[in-house]
Amino acid sequence: MDFLKELWAFLRVRKKLWLAPIIIVMLILGGLLILAQGSVVAPFIYTLF
């Protein structure tokens, strides 16, 4: 959690808040790919990309 607090503080101080949605989308897609590696749904998720 400390890393996320420091990242948010950096984005706020440096006026880089436009990066926040990009980081969130990348984290969601990464989590989706990690969760889908061993599941039955994996072939359907990989067709989206």
PDB file of N, CA and C in Angstrom:
ATOM      1  N   MET A   1       0.826  -1.203   0.000  1.00  0.00           N
ATOM      2  CA  MET A   1       0.000   0.000   0.000  1.00  0.00           C
ATOM      3  C   MET A   1       0.862   1.255   0.000  1.00  0.00           C
ATOM      4  N   ASP A   2       2.035   1.167   0.602  1.00  0.00           N
ATOM      5  CA  ASP A   2       2.895   2.340   0.680  1.00  0.00           C
ATOM      6  C   ASP A   2       3.322   2.794  -0.720  1.00  0.00           C
ATOM      7  N   PHE A   3       3.564   1.817  -1.597  1.00  0.00           N
ATOM      8  CA  PHE A   3       3.947   2.154  -2.967  1.00  0.00           C
ATOM      9  C   PHE A   3       2.841   2.936  -3.668  1.00  0.00           C
ATOM     10  N   LEU A   4       1.596   2.521  -3.478  1.00  0.00           N
ATOM     11  CA  LEU A   4       0.475   3.216  -4.117  1.00  0.00           C
ATOM     12  C   LEU A   4       0.322   4.640  -3.593  1.00  0.00           C
ATOM     13  N   LYS A   5       0.548   4.829  -2.294  1.00  0.00           N
ATOM     14  CA  LYS A   5       0.477   6.178  -1.727  1.00  0.00           C
ATOM     15  C   LYS A   5       1.562   7.073  -2.308  1.00  0.00           C
ATOM     16  N   GLU A   6       2.768   6.532  -2.430  1.00  0.00           N
ATOM     17  CA  GLU A   6       3.862   7.318  -2.996  1.00  0.00           C
ATOM     18  C   GLU A   6       3.624   7.614  -4.473  1.00  0.00           C
ATOM     19  N   LEU A   7       3.086   6.647  -5.203  1.00  0.00           N
ATOM     20  CA  LEU A   7       2.781   6.861  -6.614  1.00  0.00           C
ATOM     21  C   LEU A   7       1.731   7.947  -6.783  1.00  0.00           C
ATOM     22  N   TRP A   8       0.678   7.904  -5.965  1.00  0.00           N
ATOM     23  CA  TRP A   8      -0.378   8.911  -6.040  1.00  0.00           C
ATOM     24  C   TRP A   8       0.178  10.297  -5.694  1.00  0.00           C
ATOM     25  N   ALA A   9       1.032  10.373  -4.670  1.00  0.00           N
ATOM     26  CA  ALA A   9       1.638  11.650  -4.294  1.00  0.00           C
ATOM     27  C   ALA A   9       2.514  12.187  -5.424  1.00  0.00           C
ATOM     28  N   PHE A  10       3.270  11.310  -6.059  1.00  0.00           N
ATOM     29  CA  PHE A  10       4.107  11.730  -7.187  1.00  0.00           C
ATOM     30  C   PHE A  10       3.256  12.279  -8.328  1.00  0.00           C
ATOM     31  N   LEU A  11       2.186  11.549  -8.669  1.00  0.00           N
ATOM     32  CA  LEU A  11       1.327  11.994  -9.766  1.00  0.00           C
ATOM     33  C   LEU A  11       0.681  13.338  -9.446  1.00  0.00           C
ATOM     34  N   ARG A  12       0.293  13.523  -8.197  1.00  0.00           N
ATOM     35  CA  ARG A  12      -0.379  14.762  -7.798  1.00  0.00           C
ATOM     36  C   ARG A  12       0.589  15.944  -7.800  1.00  0.00           C
ATOM     37  N   VAL A  13       1.797  15.740  -7.270  1.00  0.00           N
ATOM     38  CA  VAL A  13       2.768  16.833  -7.181  1.00  0.00           C
ATOM     39  C   VAL A  13       3.287  17.217  -8.559  1.00  0.00           C
ATOM     40  N   ARG A  14       3.551  16.242  -9.388  1.00  0.00           N
ATOM     41  CA  ARG A  14       4.113  16.507 -10.725  1.00  0.00           C
ATOM     42  C   ARG A  14       3.046  16.848 -11.768  1.00  0.00           C
ATOM     43  N   LYS A  15       1.785  16.934 -11.355  1.00  0.00           N
ATOM     44  CA  LYS A  15       0.671  17.255 -12.264  1.00  0.00           C
ATOM     45  C   LYS A  15       0.556  16.243 -13.403  1.00  0.00           C
ATOM     46  N   LYS A  16       0.725  14.978 -13.058  1.00  0.00           N
ATOM     47  CA  LYS A  16       0.635  13.890 -14.039  1.00  0.00           C
ATOM     48  C   LYS A  16      -0.592  13.032 -13.784  1.00  0.00           C
ATOM     49  N   LEU A  17      -1.683  13.626 -13.356  1.00  0.00           N
ATOM     50  CA  LEU A  17      -2.880  12.851 -13.037  1.00  0.00           C
ATOM     51  C   LEU A  17      -3.491  12.179 -14.264  1.00  0.00           C
ATOM     52  N   TRP A  18      -3.126  12.634 -15.441  1.00  0.00           N
ATOM     53  CA  TRP A  18      -3.655  12.009 -16.652  1.00  0.00           C
ATOM     54  C   TRP A  18      -3.097  10.598 -16.824  1.00  0.00           C
ATOM     55  N   LEU A  19      -2.029  10.255 -16.104  1.00  0.00           N
ATOM     56  CA  LEU A  19      -1.474   8.903 -16.175  1.00  0.00           C
ATOM     57  C   LEU A  19      -2.259   7.900 -15.340  1.00  0.00           C
ATOM     58  N   ALA A  20      -3.036   8.370 -14.388  1.00  0.00           N
ATOM     59  CA  ALA A  20      -3.766   7.474 -13.481  1.00  0.00           C
ATOM     60  C   ALA A  20      -4.704   6.519 -14.230  1.00  0.00           C
ATOM     61  N   PRO A  21      -5.537   6.973 -15.165  1.00  0.00           N
ATOM     62  CA  PRO A  21      -6.406   6.018 -15.880  1.00  0.00           C
ATOM     63  C   PRO A  21      -5.624   4.987 -16.692  1.00  0.00           C
ATOM     64  N   ILE A  22      -4.501   5.392 -17.249  1.00  0.00           N
ATOM     65  CA  ILE A  22      -3.685   4.458 -18.028  1.00  0.00           C
ATOM     66  C   ILE A  22      -3.124   3.375 -17.120  1.00  0.00           C
ATOM     67  N   ILE A  23      -2.640   3.763 -15.948  1.00  0.00           N
ATOM     68  CA  ILE A  23      -2.086   2.796 -14.999  1.00  0.00           C
ATOM     69  C   ILE A  23      -3.172   1.852 -14.517  1.00  0.00           C
ATOM     70  N   ILE A  24      -4.354   2.365 -14.234  1.00  0.00           N
ATOM     71  CA  ILE A  24      -5.461   1.529 -13.757  1.00  0.00           C
ATOM     72  C   ILE A  24      -5.868   0.503 -14.812  1.00  0.00           C
ATOM     73  N   VAL A  25      -5.981   0.933 -16.062  1.00  0.00           N
ATOM     74  CA  VAL A  25      -6.357   0.008 -17.139  1.00  0.00           C
ATOM     75  C   VAL A  25      -5.286  -1.065 -17.326  1.00  0.00           C
ATOM     76  N   MET A  26      -4.012  -0.675 -17.242  1.00  0.00           N
ATOM     77  CA  MET A  26      -2.934  -1.655 -17.379  1.00  0.00           C
ATOM     78  C   MET A  26      -2.975  -2.677 -16.244  1.00  0.00           C
ATOM     79  N   LEU A  27      -3.262  -2.233 -15.028  1.00  0.00           N
ATOM     80  CA  LEU A  27      -3.361  -3.157 -13.898  1.00  0.00           C
ATOM     81  C   LEU A  27      -4.536  -4.116 -14.048  1.00  0.00           C
ATOM     82  N   ILE A  28      -5.672  -3.609 -14.531  1.00  0.00           N
ATOM     83  CA  ILE A  28      -6.845  -4.465 -14.729  1.00  0.00           C
ATOM     84  C   ILE A  28      -6.578  -5.510 -15.804  1.00  0.00           C
ATOM     85  N   LEU A  29      -5.988  -5.095 -16.919  1.00  0.00           N
ATOM     86  CA  LEU A  29      -5.695  -6.049 -17.986  1.00  0.00           C
ATOM     87  C   LEU A  29      -4.656  -7.074 -17.551  1.00  0.00           C
ATOM     88  N   GLY A  30      -3.649  -6.636 -16.811  1.00  0.00           N
ATOM     89  CA  GLY A  30      -2.644  -7.565 -16.303  1.00  0.00           C
ATOM     90  C   GLY A  30      -3.252  -8.573 -15.342  1.00  0.00           C
ATOM     91  N   GLY A  31      -4.109  -8.102 -14.451  1.00  0.00           N
ATOM     92  CA  GLY A  31      -4.779  -9.011 -13.518  1.00  0.00           C
ATOM     93  C   GLY A  31      -5.685  -9.991 -14.239  1.00  0.00           C
ATOM     94  N   LEU A  32      -6.366  -9.523 -15.273  1.00  0.00           N
ATOM     95  CA  LEU A  32      -7.235 -10.397 -16.051  1.00  0.00           C
ATOM     96  C   LEU A  32      -6.434 -11.500 -16.732  1.00  0.00           C
ATOM     97  N   LEU A  33      -5.291 -11.145 -17.284  1.00  0.00           N
ATOM     98  CA  LEU A  33      -4.463 -12.147 -17.951  1.00  0.00           C
ATOM     99  C   LEU A  33      -3.880 -13.144 -16.957  1.00  0.00           C
ATOM    100  N   ILE A  34      -3.490 -12.673 -15.789  1.00  0.00           N
ATOM    101  CA  ILE A  34      -2.939 -13.580 -14.777  1.00  0.00           C
ATOM    102  C   ILE A  34      -4.010 -14.535 -14.271  1.00  0.00           C
ATOM    103  N   LEU A  35      -5.202 -14.026 -14.023  1.00  0.00           N
ATOM    104  CA  LEU A  35      -6.276 -14.888 -13.526  1.00  0.00           C
ATOM    105  C   LEU A  35      -6.757 -15.883 -14.573  1.00  0.00           C
ATOM    106  N   ALA A  36      -6.630 -15.525 -15.840  1.00  0.00           N
ATOM    107  CA  ALA A  36      -7.166 -16.378 -16.898  1.00  0.00           C
ATOM    108  C   ALA A  36      -6.166 -17.419 -17.395  1.00  0.00           C
ATOM    109  N   GLN A  37      -4.950 -17.417 -16.880  1.00  0.00           N
ATOM    110  CA  GLN A  37      -3.941 -18.348 -17.395  1.00  0.00           C
ATOM    111  C   GLN A  37      -4.345 -19.801 -17.224  1.00  0.00           C
ATOM    112  N   GLY A  38      -4.865 -20.155 -16.071  1.00  0.00           N
ATOM    113  CA  GLY A  38      -5.164 -21.555 -15.834  1.00  0.00           C
ATOM    114  C   GLY A  38      -6.638 -21.885 -15.914  1.00  0.00           C
ATOM    115  N   SER A  39      -7.436 -20.990 -16.423  1.00  0.00           N
ATOM    116  CA  SER A  39      -8.867 -21.246 -16.412  1.00  0.00           C
ATOM    117  C   SER A  39      -9.364 -21.706 -17.776  1.00  0.00           C
ATOM    118  N   VAL A  40     -10.601 -22.113 -17.787  1.00  0.00           N
ATOM    119  CA  VAL A  40     -11.240 -22.583 -19.019  1.00  0.00           C
ATOM    120  C   VAL A  40     -11.588 -21.411 -19.922  1.00  0.00           C
ATOM    121  N   VAL A  41     -11.673 -20.235 -19.359  1.00  0.00           N
ATOM    122  CA  VAL A  41     -12.078 -19.031 -20.097  1.00  0.00           C
ATOM    123  C   VAL A  41     -10.915 -18.436 -20.884  1.00  0.00           C
ATOM    124  N   ALA A  42      -9.693 -18.901 -20.659  1.00  0.00           N
ATOM    125  CA  ALA A  42      -8.501 -18.324 -21.267  1.00  0.00           C
ATOM    126  C   ALA A  42      -8.582 -18.185 -22.790  1.00  0.00           C
ATOM    127  N   PRO A  43      -9.028 -19.197 -23.548  1.00  0.00           N
ATOM    128  CA  PRO A  43      -9.074 -19.019 -24.997  1.00  0.00           C
ATOM    129  C   PRO A  43     -10.010 -17.881 -25.433  1.00  0.00           C
ATOM    130  N   PHE A  44     -11.072 -17.657 -24.678  1.00  0.00           N
ATOM    131  CA  PHE A  44     -12.011 -16.600 -25.034  1.00  0.00           C
ATOM    132  C   PHE A  44     -11.444 -15.220 -24.721  1.00  0.00           C
ATOM    133  N   ILE A  45     -10.672 -15.115 -23.639  1.00  0.00           N
ATOM    134  CA  ILE A  45     -10.079 -13.820 -23.274  1.00  0.00           C
ATOM    135  C   ILE A  45      -8.969 -13.474 -24.255  1.00  0.00           C
ATOM    136  N   TYR A  46      -8.167 -14.458 -24.661  1.00  0.00           N
ATOM    137  CA  TYR A  46      -7.066 -14.174 -25.578  1.00  0.00           C
ATOM    138  C   TYR A  46      -7.578 -13.771 -26.966  1.00  0.00           C
ATOM    139  N   THR A  47      -8.793 -14.137 -27.319  1.00  0.00           N
ATOM    140  CA  THR A  47      -9.314 -13.710 -28.613  1.00  0.00           C
ATOM    141  C   THR A  47      -9.661 -12.225 -28.611  1.00  0.00           C
ATOM    142  N   LEU A  48      -9.840 -11.647 -27.418  1.00  0.00           N
ATOM    143  CA  LEU A  48     -10.121 -10.206 -27.343  1.00  0.00           C
ATOM    144  C   LEU A  48      -8.904  -9.380 -27.713  1.00  0.00           C
ATOM    145  N   PHE A  49      -7.731  -9.934 -27.518  1.00  0.00           N
ATOM    146  CA  PHE A  49      -6.507  -9.194 -27.794  1.00  0.00           C
ATOM    147  C   PHE A  49      -5.930  -9.645 -29.105  1.00  0.00           C
TER     148      PHE A  49
END
